[in-house]
Amino acid sequence: MIELQQTGTYRKWERNLKDKEAKALIAARLFRLANGLPGDVKPVGEGVSELGIHYGKGYRVYFKKTGNTIILLLCGGNKDTQQRDIKKAKQLAQEV
């Protein structure tokens, strides 16, 4: 199983999600990601990838894989904030 770590930015985003079903679906997707079943993932540049969750607002989780065993969850958002979230994820990826 791959270890998932979170930035403070990601934790804050996840904590502030109001939609409980969205939280559950995101948690399920992250569980599958940790078990080697990434599903809908696409690279967005600079070593950052986007995990798409096809529910509600079209949630996205941005992450960076470091080595074979750790995935760092950088930040999250939805389709409406996608470009801003990608920029933030790339910035966070450079800082870690």
N, C-alpha and C. Protein backbone atom coordinates (compact mmCIF):
# COMPACT_ATOMS: atom_id res chain seq x y z
N MET A 1 0.84 -1.18 0.00
CA MET A 1 0.00 0.00 0.00
C MET A 1 0.89 1.25 0.00
N ILE A 2 0.51 2.21 -0.79
CA ILE A 2 1.26 3.46 -0.91
C ILE A 2 0.83 4.40 0.22
N GLU A 3 1.80 5.05 0.84
CA GLU A 3 1.51 6.00 1.92
C GLU A 3 1.06 7.33 1.33
N LEU A 4 -0.03 7.88 1.87
CA LEU A 4 -0.52 9.19 1.47
C LEU A 4 -0.20 10.19 2.57
N GLN A 5 0.43 11.30 2.20
CA GLN A 5 0.69 12.39 3.13
C GLN A 5 -0.05 13.61 2.63
N GLN A 6 -0.34 14.55 3.53
CA GLN A 6 -1.13 15.72 3.17
C GLN A 6 -0.40 17.00 3.56
N THR A 7 -0.54 18.01 2.73
CA THR A 7 -0.08 19.35 3.11
C THR A 7 -1.16 19.98 3.99
N GLY A 8 -0.80 21.02 4.71
CA GLY A 8 -1.78 21.76 5.49
C GLY A 8 -2.86 22.35 4.60
N THR A 9 -2.47 22.77 3.40
CA THR A 9 -3.43 23.33 2.44
C THR A 9 -4.48 22.30 2.07
N TYR A 10 -4.05 21.06 1.83
CA TYR A 10 -5.00 20.00 1.49
C TYR A 10 -5.92 19.71 2.68
N ARG A 11 -5.34 19.57 3.87
CA ARG A 11 -6.15 19.27 5.06
C ARG A 11 -7.23 20.34 5.28
N LYS A 12 -6.85 21.60 5.12
CA LYS A 12 -7.80 22.69 5.31
C LYS A 12 -8.92 22.61 4.28
N TRP A 13 -8.58 22.35 3.02
CA TRP A 13 -9.59 22.24 1.96
C TRP A 13 -10.56 21.09 2.28
N GLU A 14 -10.00 19.93 2.64
CA GLU A 14 -10.84 18.77 2.91
C GLU A 14 -11.73 19.00 4.14
N ARG A 15 -11.17 19.60 5.16
CA ARG A 15 -11.92 19.88 6.38
C ARG A 15 -13.10 20.83 6.12
N ASN A 16 -12.93 21.76 5.19
CA ASN A 16 -13.96 22.76 4.91
C ASN A 16 -15.01 22.31 3.90
N LEU A 17 -14.88 21.11 3.35
CA LEU A 17 -15.90 20.60 2.43
C LEU A 17 -17.20 20.37 3.20
N LYS A 18 -18.28 20.91 2.71
CA LYS A 18 -19.58 20.78 3.38
C LYS A 18 -20.34 19.53 2.95
N ASP A 19 -20.13 19.09 1.72
CA ASP A 19 -20.87 17.96 1.14
C ASP A 19 -20.29 16.65 1.67
N LYS A 20 -21.05 15.98 2.54
CA LYS A 20 -20.56 14.74 3.17
C LYS A 20 -20.40 13.61 2.16
N GLU A 21 -21.27 13.56 1.16
CA GLU A 21 -21.14 12.52 0.14
C GLU A 21 -19.87 12.74 -0.68
N ALA A 22 -19.57 14.00 -1.00
CA ALA A 22 -18.34 14.31 -1.72
C ALA A 22 -17.12 13.88 -0.90
N LYS A 23 -17.14 14.16 0.40
CA LYS A 23 -16.04 13.76 1.28
C LYS A 23 -15.84 12.25 1.24
N ALA A 24 -16.95 11.51 1.30
CA ALA A 24 -16.87 10.05 1.27
C ALA A 24 -16.33 9.55 -0.06
N LEU A 25 -16.77 10.14 -1.16
CA LEU A 25 -16.29 9.72 -2.48
C LEU A 25 -14.81 10.04 -2.65
N ILE A 26 -14.38 11.19 -2.16
CA ILE A 26 -12.96 11.56 -2.23
C ILE A 26 -12.14 10.59 -1.41
N ALA A 27 -12.61 10.26 -0.20
CA ALA A 27 -11.90 9.30 0.65
C ALA A 27 -11.78 7.94 -0.04
N ALA A 28 -12.85 7.51 -0.70
CA ALA A 28 -12.82 6.23 -1.41
C ALA A 28 -11.82 6.26 -2.56
N ARG A 29 -11.79 7.37 -3.30
CA ARG A 29 -10.83 7.49 -4.41
C ARG A 29 -9.40 7.48 -3.90
N LEU A 30 -9.16 8.16 -2.77
CA LEU A 30 -7.81 8.18 -2.21
C LEU A 30 -7.41 6.79 -1.72
N PHE A 31 -8.36 6.03 -1.17
CA PHE A 31 -8.08 4.66 -0.76
C PHE A 31 -7.65 3.83 -1.97
N ARG A 32 -8.36 3.97 -3.07
CA ARG A 32 -8.00 3.23 -4.29
C ARG A 32 -6.64 3.69 -4.82
N LEU A 33 -6.37 4.99 -4.77
CA LEU A 33 -5.07 5.52 -5.20
C LEU A 33 -3.95 4.90 -4.37
N ALA A 34 -4.15 4.83 -3.06
CA ALA A 34 -3.14 4.26 -2.16
C ALA A 34 -2.92 2.78 -2.42
N ASN A 35 -3.92 2.12 -3.01
CA ASN A 35 -3.81 0.70 -3.30
C ASN A 35 -3.46 0.42 -4.76
N GLY A 36 -2.93 1.44 -5.44
CA GLY A 36 -2.43 1.24 -6.80
C GLY A 36 -3.48 1.28 -7.89
N LEU A 37 -4.67 1.78 -7.59
CA LEU A 37 -5.75 1.88 -8.57
C LEU A 37 -6.13 3.34 -8.75
N PRO A 38 -5.35 4.10 -9.51
CA PRO A 38 -5.54 5.55 -9.57
C PRO A 38 -6.81 6.01 -10.29
N GLY A 39 -7.30 5.27 -11.26
CA GLY A 39 -8.49 5.72 -11.98
C GLY A 39 -8.21 6.94 -12.83
N ASP A 40 -9.08 7.94 -12.76
CA ASP A 40 -8.99 9.15 -13.59
C ASP A 40 -7.92 10.09 -13.06
N VAL A 41 -6.70 9.92 -13.56
CA VAL A 41 -5.56 10.76 -13.16
C VAL A 41 -4.92 11.29 -14.43
N LYS A 42 -4.58 12.59 -14.41
CA LYS A 42 -3.86 13.15 -15.55
C LYS A 42 -2.77 14.09 -15.05
N PRO A 43 -1.63 14.10 -15.73
CA PRO A 43 -0.56 15.03 -15.35
C PRO A 43 -0.94 16.45 -15.73
N VAL A 44 -0.57 17.41 -14.87
CA VAL A 44 -0.84 18.82 -15.17
C VAL A 44 0.46 19.62 -15.27
N GLY A 45 1.60 18.93 -15.16
CA GLY A 45 2.89 19.58 -15.33
C GLY A 45 3.68 19.69 -14.04
N GLU A 46 4.99 19.79 -14.19
CA GLU A 46 5.93 19.98 -13.10
C GLU A 46 5.83 18.90 -12.02
N GLY A 47 5.51 17.67 -12.44
CA GLY A 47 5.44 16.55 -11.51
C GLY A 47 4.15 16.45 -10.73
N VAL A 48 3.18 17.30 -11.04
CA VAL A 48 1.90 17.32 -10.34
C VAL A 48 0.85 16.61 -11.20
N SER A 49 0.01 15.82 -10.54
CA SER A 49 -1.09 15.13 -11.23
C SER A 49 -2.41 15.52 -10.60
N GLU A 50 -3.47 15.37 -11.40
CA GLU A 50 -4.83 15.71 -10.97
C GLU A 50 -5.67 14.45 -10.91
N LEU A 51 -6.27 14.20 -9.76
CA LEU A 51 -7.18 13.08 -9.57
C LEU A 51 -8.60 13.64 -9.68
N GLY A 52 -9.33 13.21 -10.69
CA GLY A 52 -10.69 13.72 -10.90
C GLY A 52 -11.73 12.87 -10.20
N ILE A 53 -12.67 13.52 -9.53
CA ILE A 53 -13.79 12.85 -8.88
C ILE A 53 -15.05 13.36 -9.56
N HIS A 54 -15.72 12.49 -10.29
CA HIS A 54 -16.87 12.89 -11.10
C HIS A 54 -18.15 12.87 -10.27
N TYR A 55 -18.28 13.91 -9.46
CA TYR A 55 -19.45 14.06 -8.61
C TYR A 55 -19.64 15.54 -8.31
N GLY A 56 -20.87 15.97 -8.23
CA GLY A 56 -21.17 17.34 -7.83
C GLY A 56 -20.46 18.37 -8.69
N LYS A 57 -19.63 19.17 -8.06
CA LYS A 57 -18.92 20.26 -8.74
C LYS A 57 -17.74 19.78 -9.57
N GLY A 58 -17.50 18.48 -9.61
CA GLY A 58 -16.33 17.96 -10.33
C GLY A 58 -15.07 18.18 -9.51
N TYR A 59 -14.99 17.51 -8.38
CA TYR A 59 -13.87 17.72 -7.46
C TYR A 59 -12.56 17.23 -8.04
N ARG A 60 -11.47 17.89 -7.64
CA ARG A 60 -10.12 17.54 -8.05
C ARG A 60 -9.22 17.50 -6.83
N VAL A 61 -8.30 16.53 -6.82
CA VAL A 61 -7.25 16.47 -5.80
C VAL A 61 -5.93 16.47 -6.55
N TYR A 62 -5.03 17.35 -6.16
CA TYR A 62 -3.73 17.48 -6.82
C TYR A 62 -2.68 16.84 -5.94
N PHE A 63 -1.81 16.05 -6.57
CA PHE A 63 -0.81 15.33 -5.79
C PHE A 63 0.50 15.22 -6.55
N LYS A 64 1.53 14.88 -5.79
CA LYS A 64 2.86 14.65 -6.34
C LYS A 64 3.36 13.33 -5.78
N LYS A 65 3.80 12.46 -6.65
CA LYS A 65 4.34 11.18 -6.21
C LYS A 65 5.83 11.34 -5.96
N THR A 66 6.27 10.88 -4.80
CA THR A 66 7.69 10.92 -4.47
C THR A 66 8.16 9.50 -4.21
N GLY A 67 8.95 8.99 -5.12
CA GLY A 67 9.40 7.61 -5.00
C GLY A 67 8.28 6.63 -5.32
N ASN A 68 8.45 5.40 -4.86
CA ASN A 68 7.47 4.36 -5.15
C ASN A 68 6.45 4.19 -4.04
N THR A 69 6.63 4.88 -2.91
CA THR A 69 5.79 4.56 -1.76
C THR A 69 5.05 5.74 -1.14
N ILE A 70 5.27 6.96 -1.59
CA ILE A 70 4.63 8.11 -0.95
C ILE A 70 3.97 9.00 -2.00
N ILE A 71 2.74 9.36 -1.74
CA ILE A 71 2.03 10.34 -2.55
C ILE A 71 1.67 11.50 -1.64
N LEU A 72 2.09 12.69 -2.02
CA LEU A 72 1.81 13.89 -1.23
C LEU A 72 0.59 14.60 -1.81
N LEU A 73 -0.47 14.68 -1.02
CA LEU A 73 -1.68 15.39 -1.44
C LEU A 73 -1.44 16.88 -1.23
N LEU A 74 -1.43 17.63 -2.32
CA LEU A 74 -1.05 19.05 -2.28
C LEU A 74 -2.22 19.96 -1.96
N CYS A 75 -3.29 19.87 -2.75
CA CYS A 75 -4.46 20.72 -2.54
C CYS A 75 -5.64 20.12 -3.28
N GLY A 76 -6.80 20.72 -3.12
CA GLY A 76 -7.99 20.24 -3.79
C GLY A 76 -8.83 21.40 -4.28
N GLY A 77 -9.83 21.08 -5.06
CA GLY A 77 -10.72 22.11 -5.59
C GLY A 77 -11.80 21.47 -6.43
N ASN A 78 -12.38 22.26 -7.32
CA ASN A 78 -13.39 21.73 -8.22
C ASN A 78 -13.19 22.34 -9.60
N LYS A 79 -14.05 21.97 -10.51
CA LYS A 79 -13.90 22.40 -11.90
C LYS A 79 -13.88 23.93 -12.02
N ASP A 80 -14.65 24.61 -11.18
CA ASP A 80 -14.72 26.08 -11.23
C ASP A 80 -13.39 26.75 -10.89
N THR A 81 -12.61 26.13 -10.01
CA THR A 81 -11.35 26.73 -9.53
C THR A 81 -10.13 26.00 -10.08
N GLN A 82 -10.31 25.19 -11.10
CA GLN A 82 -9.28 24.29 -11.60
C GLN A 82 -7.97 24.99 -11.94
N GLN A 83 -7.99 26.05 -12.72
CA GLN A 83 -6.74 26.70 -13.13
C GLN A 83 -6.00 27.29 -11.94
N ARG A 84 -6.72 27.92 -11.05
CA ARG A 84 -6.10 28.48 -9.84
C ARG A 84 -5.52 27.36 -8.96
N ASP A 85 -6.24 26.24 -8.86
CA ASP A 85 -5.79 25.12 -8.05
C ASP A 85 -4.54 24.47 -8.62
N ILE A 86 -4.46 24.36 -9.95
CA ILE A 86 -3.28 23.79 -10.59
C ILE A 86 -2.07 24.66 -10.30
N LYS A 87 -2.23 25.96 -10.41
CA LYS A 87 -1.13 26.89 -10.12
C LYS A 87 -0.67 26.74 -8.67
N LYS A 88 -1.62 26.65 -7.74
CA LYS A 88 -1.30 26.49 -6.32
C LYS A 88 -0.59 25.16 -6.07
N ALA A 89 -1.07 24.09 -6.71
CA ALA A 89 -0.47 22.77 -6.53
C ALA A 89 0.98 22.76 -7.01
N LYS A 90 1.25 23.39 -8.14
CA LYS A 90 2.62 23.45 -8.65
C LYS A 90 3.51 24.23 -7.70
N GLN A 91 2.99 25.31 -7.14
CA GLN A 91 3.75 26.11 -6.19
C GLN A 91 4.06 25.27 -4.94
N LEU A 92 3.06 24.57 -4.41
CA LEU A 92 3.27 23.73 -3.24
C LEU A 92 4.26 22.61 -3.52
N ALA A 93 4.20 22.03 -4.72
CA ALA A 93 5.10 20.94 -5.09
C ALA A 93 6.55 21.40 -5.07
N GLN A 94 6.80 22.64 -5.46
CA GLN A 94 8.17 23.17 -5.46
C GLN A 94 8.66 23.44 -4.05
N GLU A 95 7.75 23.74 -3.14
CA GLU A 95 8.13 24.08 -1.77
C GLU A 95 8.49 22.87 -0.93
N VAL A 96 8.00 21.69 -1.30
CA VAL A 96 8.26 20.49 -0.49
C VAL A 96 9.45 19.71 -0.99
